[in-house]
Amino acid sequence: MTIKDLEKALIATWSVDTAYSGDRKNWTPERNSIGQCTVTAMIVYDFFGGKIVRGYSEKYKLFHYWNEIDDKKVDLTFNQFSYDKSDIVFTKTIYKSKKDLMKIRSVRNRYLLLKRKVDEYFKKL
């Protein structure tokens, strides 16, 4: 499996139910990566290891999650931002463990739903 294979599965399985509750009002099937960053980073971690990274944008006042694999940034949900992407800078970056993220009930529930959908997607191939 490649990152591109997993990305196709995620694009096919993201839904309003797997989006962060605060982003659901902006979620559409055409922009289905909105609100998916935390659970997506967890799924990428499941398949490829590495680290889950959280950063903060001072300008846009938001947190964002992505992965670091073999010292390379892997961000499958960056396209959710409708702003001028050239000026999105994430600071205050920290590594987050999947174990700690799973302690957050809303994250855990969204992750388990997305994980099930991704697993079903791959079973159908």
C-alpha atoms as a PDB file:
ATOM      1  CA  MET A   1       0.000   0.000   0.000  1.00  0.00           C
ATOM      2  CA  THR A   2       1.095   3.546  -0.708  1.00  0.00           C
ATOM      3  CA  ILE A   3       0.109   6.892   0.769  1.00  0.00           C
ATOM      4  CA  LYS A   4      -1.780   7.557  -2.492  1.00  0.00           C
ATOM      5  CA  ASP A   5      -3.790   4.337  -2.013  1.00  0.00           C
ATOM      6  CA  LEU A   6      -4.709   5.391   1.506  1.00  0.00           C
ATOM      7  CA  GLU A   7      -5.530   8.915   0.347  1.00  0.00           C
ATOM      8  CA  LYS A   8      -8.008   7.516  -2.212  1.00  0.00           C
ATOM      9  CA  ALA A   9      -9.643   5.435   0.516  1.00  0.00           C
ATOM     10  CA  LEU A  10      -9.915   8.427   2.835  1.00  0.00           C
ATOM     11  CA  ILE A  11     -11.380  10.683   0.153  1.00  0.00           C
ATOM     12  CA  ALA A  12     -13.976   7.982  -0.559  1.00  0.00           C
ATOM     13  CA  THR A  13     -14.882   7.522   3.115  1.00  0.00           C
ATOM     14  CA  TRP A  14     -14.731  10.952   4.753  1.00  0.00           C
ATOM     15  CA  SER A  15     -18.191  12.119   5.758  1.00  0.00           C
ATOM     16  CA  VAL A  16     -19.850  14.804   7.812  1.00  0.00           C
ATOM     17  CA  ASP A  17     -19.976  12.239  10.651  1.00  0.00           C
ATOM     18  CA  THR A  18     -16.189  11.858  10.683  1.00  0.00           C
ATOM     19  CA  ALA A  19     -15.612  15.632  10.625  1.00  0.00           C
ATOM     20  CA  TYR A  20     -14.824  17.704  13.712  1.00  0.00           C
ATOM     21  CA  SER A  21     -18.128  18.984  15.103  1.00  0.00           C
ATOM     22  CA  GLY A  22     -17.063  22.629  14.857  1.00  0.00           C
ATOM     23  CA  ASP A  23     -16.405  22.203  11.127  1.00  0.00           C
ATOM     24  CA  ARG A  24     -19.527  20.269  10.168  1.00  0.00           C
ATOM     25  CA  LYS A  25     -21.430  23.394   9.116  1.00  0.00           C
ATOM     26  CA  ASN A  26     -18.769  23.972   6.418  1.00  0.00           C
ATOM     27  CA  TRP A  27     -18.441  20.344   5.312  1.00  0.00           C
ATOM     28  CA  THR A  28     -19.641  19.449   1.819  1.00  0.00           C
ATOM     29  CA  PRO A  29     -19.115  16.383  -0.372  1.00  0.00           C
ATOM     30  CA  GLU A  30     -17.021  18.599  -2.672  1.00  0.00           C
ATOM     31  CA  ARG A  31     -14.829  19.769   0.227  1.00  0.00           C
ATOM     32  CA  ASN A  32     -14.927  16.585   2.252  1.00  0.00           C
ATOM     33  CA  SER A  33     -11.513  16.964   3.910  1.00  0.00           C
ATOM     34  CA  ILE A  34     -12.908  19.759   6.111  1.00  0.00           C
ATOM     35  CA  GLY A  35     -12.619  18.791   9.771  1.00  0.00           C
ATOM     36  CA  GLN A  36     -10.888  15.481   9.053  1.00  0.00           C
ATOM     37  CA  CYS A  37      -7.297  16.270  10.052  1.00  0.00           C
ATOM     38  CA  THR A  38      -7.090  14.614  13.479  1.00  0.00           C
ATOM     39  CA  VAL A  39      -8.729  11.326  12.540  1.00  0.00           C
ATOM     40  CA  THR A  40      -6.926  11.246   9.199  1.00  0.00           C
ATOM     41  CA  ALA A  41      -3.554  11.683  10.911  1.00  0.00           C
ATOM     42  CA  MET A  42      -4.465   8.788  13.201  1.00  0.00           C
ATOM     43  CA  ILE A  43      -5.368   6.532  10.256  1.00  0.00           C
ATOM     44  CA  VAL A  44      -2.160   7.453   8.416  1.00  0.00           C
ATOM     45  CA  TYR A  45      -0.255   6.597  11.611  1.00  0.00           C
ATOM     46  CA  ASP A  46      -1.994   3.187  11.734  1.00  0.00           C
ATOM     47  CA  PHE A  47      -0.786   2.312   8.252  1.00  0.00           C
ATOM     48  CA  PHE A  48       2.609   4.030   8.039  1.00  0.00           C
ATOM     49  CA  GLY A  49       3.761   4.839  11.585  1.00  0.00           C
ATOM     50  CA  GLY A  50       5.810   7.966  12.022  1.00  0.00           C
ATOM     51  CA  LYS A  51       4.514  10.773  14.202  1.00  0.00           C
ATOM     52  CA  ILE A  52       1.281  12.700  14.561  1.00  0.00           C
ATOM     53  CA  VAL A  53       1.961  16.445  14.617  1.00  0.00           C
ATOM     54  CA  ARG A  54      -0.297  19.253  15.800  1.00  0.00           C
ATOM     55  CA  GLY A  55       0.342  22.868  14.891  1.00  0.00           C
ATOM     56  CA  TYR A  56      -1.416  26.160  15.474  1.00  0.00           C
ATOM     57  CA  SER A  57      -2.070  28.990  13.019  1.00  0.00           C
ATOM     58  CA  GLU A  58      -1.951  32.327  14.820  1.00  0.00           C
ATOM     59  CA  LYS A  59      -3.384  34.121  11.789  1.00  0.00           C
ATOM     60  CA  TYR A  60      -6.403  31.848  11.377  1.00  0.00           C
ATOM     61  CA  LYS A  61      -6.733  30.832  15.058  1.00  0.00           C
ATOM     62  CA  LEU A  62      -6.927  27.112  14.396  1.00  0.00           C
ATOM     63  CA  PHE A  63      -5.202  23.839  15.174  1.00  0.00           C
ATOM     64  CA  HIS A  64      -4.262  21.383  12.445  1.00  0.00           C
ATOM     65  CA  TYR A  65      -2.911  17.817  12.489  1.00  0.00           C
ATOM     66  CA  TRP A  66      -0.689  16.030   9.991  1.00  0.00           C
ATOM     67  CA  ASN A  67       1.933  13.283   9.938  1.00  0.00           C
ATOM     68  CA  GLU A  68       5.678  13.154   9.838  1.00  0.00           C
ATOM     69  CA  ILE A  69       6.998   9.978   8.231  1.00  0.00           C
ATOM     70  CA  ASP A  70      10.726   9.462   7.691  1.00  0.00           C
ATOM     71  CA  ASP A  71      11.256  13.186   8.384  1.00  0.00           C
ATOM     72  CA  LYS A  72       8.785  14.153   5.630  1.00  0.00           C
ATOM     73  CA  LYS A  73       5.534  16.027   6.145  1.00  0.00           C
ATOM     74  CA  VAL A  74       2.454  14.094   5.020  1.00  0.00           C
ATOM     75  CA  ASP A  75      -0.689  16.231   5.152  1.00  0.00           C
ATOM     76  CA  LEU A  76      -3.674  14.645   3.429  1.00  0.00           C
ATOM     77  CA  THR A  77      -6.131  17.306   4.627  1.00  0.00           C
ATOM     78  CA  PHE A  78      -4.289  20.556   3.912  1.00  0.00           C
ATOM     79  CA  ASN A  79      -6.588  21.209   0.958  1.00  0.00           C
ATOM     80  CA  GLN A  80      -9.471  21.762   3.399  1.00  0.00           C
ATOM     81  CA  PHE A  81      -8.297  25.343   3.827  1.00  0.00           C
ATOM     82  CA  SER A  82      -9.934  27.842   1.525  1.00  0.00           C
ATOM     83  CA  TYR A  83      -7.556  30.623   2.554  1.00  0.00           C
ATOM     84  CA  ASP A  84      -4.507  31.633   0.562  1.00  0.00           C
ATOM     85  CA  LYS A  85      -2.506  28.524   1.399  1.00  0.00           C
ATOM     86  CA  SER A  86       0.814  30.304   0.928  1.00  0.00           C
ATOM     87  CA  ASP A  87       0.308  32.251   4.144  1.00  0.00           C
ATOM     88  CA  ILE A  88      -0.810  29.392   6.382  1.00  0.00           C
ATOM     89  CA  VAL A  89       1.954  28.863   8.904  1.00  0.00           C
ATOM     90  CA  PHE A  90       1.646  26.439  11.776  1.00  0.00           C
ATOM     91  CA  THR A  91       3.670  27.159  14.882  1.00  0.00           C
ATOM     92  CA  LYS A  92       3.693  25.724  18.378  1.00  0.00           C
ATOM     93  CA  THR A  93       4.027  22.289  16.799  1.00  0.00           C
ATOM     94  CA  ILE A  94       3.981  19.308  19.124  1.00  0.00           C
ATOM     95  CA  TYR A  95       3.847  15.564  18.697  1.00  0.00           C
ATOM     96  CA  LYS A  96       0.641  13.900  19.847  1.00  0.00           C
ATOM     97  CA  SER A  97       0.285  10.223  20.633  1.00  0.00           C
ATOM     98  CA  LYS A  98      -2.594   8.222  19.231  1.00  0.00           C
ATOM     99  CA  LYS A  99      -3.140   6.885  22.737  1.00  0.00           C
ATOM    100  CA  ASP A 100      -3.724  10.399  24.093  1.00  0.00           C
ATOM    101  CA  LEU A 101      -5.972  11.350  21.188  1.00  0.00           C
ATOM    102  CA  MET A 102      -8.065   8.221  21.776  1.00  0.00           C
ATOM    103  CA  LYS A 103      -8.826   9.499  25.294  1.00  0.00           C
ATOM    104  CA  ILE A 104     -10.946  12.258  23.746  1.00  0.00           C
ATOM    105  CA  ARG A 105     -14.363  10.676  23.279  1.00  0.00           C
ATOM    106  CA  SER A 106     -15.380  12.695  20.212  1.00  0.00           C
ATOM    107  CA  VAL A 107     -12.049  11.979  18.503  1.00  0.00           C
ATOM    108  CA  ARG A 108     -12.224   8.289  19.415  1.00  0.00           C
ATOM    109  CA  ASN A 109     -15.771   7.942  18.038  1.00  0.00           C
ATOM    110  CA  ARG A 110     -14.905   9.713  14.782  1.00  0.00           C
ATOM    111  CA  TYR A 111     -11.685   7.714  14.417  1.00  0.00           C
ATOM    112  CA  LEU A 112     -13.449   4.367  14.963  1.00  0.00           C
ATOM    113  CA  LEU A 113     -16.086   5.268  12.376  1.00  0.00           C
ATOM    114  CA  LEU A 114     -13.501   6.360   9.810  1.00  0.00           C
ATOM    115  CA  LYS A 115     -11.301   3.320  10.507  1.00  0.00           C
ATOM    116  CA  ARG A 116     -14.250   1.000   9.927  1.00  0.00           C
ATOM    117  CA  LYS A 117     -15.110   2.775   6.664  1.00  0.00           C
ATOM    118  CA  VAL A 118     -11.508   2.633   5.420  1.00  0.00           C
ATOM    119  CA  ASP A 119     -11.238  -1.064   6.296  1.00  0.00           C
ATOM    120  CA  GLU A 120     -14.509  -1.745   4.409  1.00  0.00           C
ATOM    121  CA  TYR A 121     -13.216   0.244   1.425  1.00  0.00           C
ATOM    122  CA  PHE A 122     -10.094  -1.935   1.198  1.00  0.00           C
ATOM    123  CA  LYS A 123     -12.065  -5.171   1.624  1.00  0.00           C
ATOM    124  CA  LYS A 124     -14.093  -4.291  -1.474  1.00  0.00           C
ATOM    125  CA  LEU A 125     -10.991  -3.955  -3.665  1.00  0.00           C
END
